[in-house]
Every structure is written in C-alpha cells, then in structure tokens.
C-alpha cells in the first residue's frame, strides 16, 4: 500500500515505515505530526484518486530529526569580462518517519 501526499508544498510517494526528507517542518524532534492532504491511495491495485483530496485519508508521522542538506554551489561567470561569483547554499530539512496510513 502506498499513497501520494502533499507535505509542505511538495508531493511524495510514501509507504508505511518509510523515512522521507522534507522541507523543514515546525515542531520538535520526536513530535507527532498528521498529514491530511492525501492525493492518491493505492491499496494492492485498488486505486483511489482524490478530487483533489481523498476523503478520510490521513497519515500519522513522527519527526525524527532536523538537519541540513548537502551543499549546492552556485557559480556565475561572464566570459572575457573578469566576472566570477561563487555562492553556496544548504537546504534546511526534516527527516520524517511514516508510522500509520489511515484510509
């Protein structure tokens, strides 16, 4: 069984027991969260597609940890002008454990 859920503006395909990295969520480590924006449910071939959401479907999860993603280097250059600029960026992430899927 898997579901497609909207978490913090992004869509994820998740299953029970899976750990997912999402954009930083409000809340402390170990805190329980509930996601109710379920877009699709696949229960062993029986697919329910929401219009836009599946009624009564929810996901119970736990915030495992807050961390930062890998560094992304942004490099800009204009040839023959002597212009070079380097900048780095690290995304704030939350690691979420999917505990229970309710349909």
C-alpha atoms as a PDB file:
ATOM      1  CA  UNK A   1       0.000   0.000   0.000  1.00  0.00           C
ATOM      2  CA  UNK A   2       1.300   3.430  -0.890  1.00  0.00           C
ATOM      3  CA  UNK A   3      -0.102   6.956  -1.004  1.00  0.00           C
ATOM      4  CA  UNK A   4       0.796  10.218  -2.689  1.00  0.00           C
ATOM      5  CA  UNK A   5       0.694  13.022  -0.135  1.00  0.00           C
ATOM      6  CA  UNK A   6       1.307  16.775  -0.180  1.00  0.00           C
ATOM      7  CA  UNK A   7       3.812  17.717   2.552  1.00  0.00           C
ATOM      8  CA  UNK A   8       4.905  21.354   2.827  1.00  0.00           C
ATOM      9  CA  UNK A   9       4.016  22.086  -0.795  1.00  0.00           C
ATOM     10  CA  UNK A  10       5.744  19.041  -2.305  1.00  0.00           C
ATOM     11  CA  UNK A  11       4.273  15.700  -3.349  1.00  0.00           C
ATOM     12  CA  UNK A  12       5.768  12.448  -2.052  1.00  0.00           C
ATOM     13  CA  UNK A  13       5.004   8.781  -2.712  1.00  0.00           C
ATOM     14  CA  UNK A  14       5.229   7.132   0.717  1.00  0.00           C
ATOM     15  CA  UNK A  15       4.644   3.750   2.344  1.00  0.00           C
ATOM     16  CA  UNK A  16       4.285   2.749   5.972  1.00  0.00           C
ATOM     17  CA  UNK A  17       7.645   2.564   7.786  1.00  0.00           C
ATOM     18  CA  UNK A  18       9.434   4.746   5.220  1.00  0.00           C
ATOM     19  CA  UNK A  19      11.631   7.709   6.165  1.00  0.00           C
ATOM     20  CA  UNK A  20      11.306  10.814   3.993  1.00  0.00           C
ATOM     21  CA  UNK A  21      13.346  14.027   3.839  1.00  0.00           C
ATOM     22  CA  UNK A  22      11.011  17.041   3.513  1.00  0.00           C
ATOM     23  CA  UNK A  23      11.384  20.808   3.790  1.00  0.00           C
ATOM     24  CA  UNK A  24      11.840  21.932   7.409  1.00  0.00           C
ATOM     25  CA  UNK A  25       8.655  21.423   9.442  1.00  0.00           C
ATOM     26  CA  UNK A  26       7.512  23.296  12.528  1.00  0.00           C
ATOM     27  CA  UNK A  27       7.873  21.177  15.650  1.00  0.00           C
ATOM     28  CA  UNK A  28      10.473  19.473  17.781  1.00  0.00           C
ATOM     29  CA  UNK A  29      12.284  16.186  17.201  1.00  0.00           C
ATOM     30  CA  UNK A  30      10.151  13.242  18.324  1.00  0.00           C
ATOM     31  CA  UNK A  31       6.906  15.179  17.890  1.00  0.00           C
ATOM     32  CA  UNK A  32       3.947  13.521  16.123  1.00  0.00           C
ATOM     33  CA  UNK A  33       2.515  15.182  13.010  1.00  0.00           C
ATOM     34  CA  UNK A  34      -0.504  14.394  10.856  1.00  0.00           C
ATOM     35  CA  UNK A  35      -0.774  14.968   7.108  1.00  0.00           C
ATOM     36  CA  UNK A  36      -4.290  15.093   5.654  1.00  0.00           C
ATOM     37  CA  UNK A  37      -3.590  16.256   2.091  1.00  0.00           C
ATOM     38  CA  UNK A  38      -3.681  12.768   0.556  1.00  0.00           C
ATOM     39  CA  UNK A  39      -3.981  12.921  -3.236  1.00  0.00           C
ATOM     40  CA  UNK A  40      -3.929   9.219  -4.182  1.00  0.00           C
ATOM     41  CA  UNK A  41      -4.222   5.863  -2.407  1.00  0.00           C
ATOM     42  CA  UNK A  42      -3.137   2.532  -3.935  1.00  0.00           C
ATOM     43  CA  UNK A  43      -4.258  -0.431  -1.812  1.00  0.00           C
ATOM     44  CA  UNK A  44      -2.884  -3.520  -3.641  1.00  0.00           C
ATOM     45  CA  UNK A  45      -4.169  -2.430  -7.042  1.00  0.00           C
ATOM     46  CA  UNK A  46      -7.343  -0.675  -5.848  1.00  0.00           C
ATOM     47  CA  UNK A  47      -6.549   2.945  -6.687  1.00  0.00           C
ATOM     48  CA  UNK A  48      -8.485   5.883  -5.229  1.00  0.00           C
ATOM     49  CA  UNK A  49      -7.767   9.272  -6.770  1.00  0.00           C
ATOM     50  CA  UNK A  50      -8.912  12.350  -4.886  1.00  0.00           C
ATOM     51  CA  UNK A  51     -10.756  15.303  -6.391  1.00  0.00           C
ATOM     52  CA  UNK A  52      -8.495  16.978  -5.230  1.00  0.00           C
ATOM     53  CA  UNK A  53      -8.139  15.096  -1.899  1.00  0.00           C
ATOM     54  CA  UNK A  54      -9.126  11.582  -0.810  1.00  0.00           C
ATOM     55  CA  UNK A  55     -11.861  11.862   1.834  1.00  0.00           C
ATOM     56  CA  UNK A  56     -10.974  10.465   5.269  1.00  0.00           C
ATOM     57  CA  UNK A  57      -7.395   9.575   4.372  1.00  0.00           C
ATOM     58  CA  UNK A  58      -4.606  10.704   6.687  1.00  0.00           C
ATOM     59  CA  UNK A  59      -1.009   9.890   7.523  1.00  0.00           C
ATOM     60  CA  UNK A  60       0.411   9.780  11.054  1.00  0.00           C
ATOM     61  CA  UNK A  61       4.129  10.501  11.169  1.00  0.00           C
ATOM     62  CA  UNK A  62       6.911  11.411  13.577  1.00  0.00           C
ATOM     63  CA  UNK A  63       9.668  13.984  13.132  1.00  0.00           C
ATOM     64  CA  UNK A  64      12.897  12.003  13.560  1.00  0.00           C
ATOM     65  CA  UNK A  65      15.402  14.845  13.209  1.00  0.00           C
ATOM     66  CA  UNK A  66      16.118  18.274  11.766  1.00  0.00           C
ATOM     67  CA  UNK A  67      19.189  18.551   9.558  1.00  0.00           C
ATOM     68  CA  UNK A  68      20.710  20.403   6.633  1.00  0.00           C
ATOM     69  CA  UNK A  69      21.108  19.033   3.136  1.00  0.00           C
ATOM     70  CA  UNK A  70      24.253  18.767   1.047  1.00  0.00           C
ATOM     71  CA  UNK A  71      25.881  21.978  -0.122  1.00  0.00           C
ATOM     72  CA  UNK A  72      24.905  23.227  -3.563  1.00  0.00           C
ATOM     73  CA  UNK A  73      27.488  25.501  -5.178  1.00  0.00           C
ATOM     74  CA  UNK A  74      26.128  28.287  -7.376  1.00  0.00           C
ATOM     75  CA  UNK A  75      28.817  29.639  -9.717  1.00  0.00           C
ATOM     76  CA  UNK A  76      28.261  32.575 -12.078  1.00  0.00           C
ATOM     77  CA  UNK A  77      30.696  33.722 -14.736  1.00  0.00           C
ATOM     78  CA  UNK A  78      30.700  36.106 -17.675  1.00  0.00           C
ATOM     79  CA  UNK A  79      33.360  35.183 -20.161  1.00  0.00           C
ATOM     80  CA  UNK A  80      36.009  37.722 -21.152  1.00  0.00           C
ATOM     81  CA  UNK A  81      34.735  40.245 -18.558  1.00  0.00           C
ATOM     82  CA  UNK A  82      36.622  39.103 -15.455  1.00  0.00           C
ATOM     83  CA  UNK A  83      33.388  38.493 -13.575  1.00  0.00           C
ATOM     84  CA  UNK A  84      33.166  35.410 -11.361  1.00  0.00           C
ATOM     85  CA  UNK A  85      30.929  34.885  -8.367  1.00  0.00           C
ATOM     86  CA  UNK A  86      30.619  31.773  -6.210  1.00  0.00           C
ATOM     87  CA  UNK A  87      27.889  31.179  -3.666  1.00  0.00           C
ATOM     88  CA  UNK A  88      26.851  28.174  -1.569  1.00  0.00           C
ATOM     89  CA  UNK A  89      23.507  27.027  -0.254  1.00  0.00           C
ATOM     90  CA  UNK A  90      22.298  24.310   2.160  1.00  0.00           C
ATOM     91  CA  UNK A  91      18.596  23.465   2.436  1.00  0.00           C
ATOM     92  CA  UNK A  92      17.027  23.007   5.884  1.00  0.00           C
ATOM     93  CA  UNK A  93      15.349  19.578   6.003  1.00  0.00           C
ATOM     94  CA  UNK A  94      13.333  17.409   8.367  1.00  0.00           C
ATOM     95  CA  UNK A  95      13.541  13.614   8.443  1.00  0.00           C
ATOM     96  CA  UNK A  96      10.035  12.176   8.880  1.00  0.00           C
ATOM     97  CA  UNK A  97       9.077   8.560   9.700  1.00  0.00           C
ATOM     98  CA  UNK A  98       5.718   7.436   8.272  1.00  0.00           C
ATOM     99  CA  UNK A  99       4.088   5.451  11.083  1.00  0.00           C
ATOM    100  CA  UNK A 100       0.494   4.813  10.015  1.00  0.00           C
ATOM    101  CA  UNK A 101      -1.637   5.278   6.897  1.00  0.00           C
ATOM    102  CA  UNK A 102      -5.375   5.637   7.502  1.00  0.00           C
ATOM    103  CA  UNK A 103      -7.758   5.322   4.549  1.00  0.00           C
END
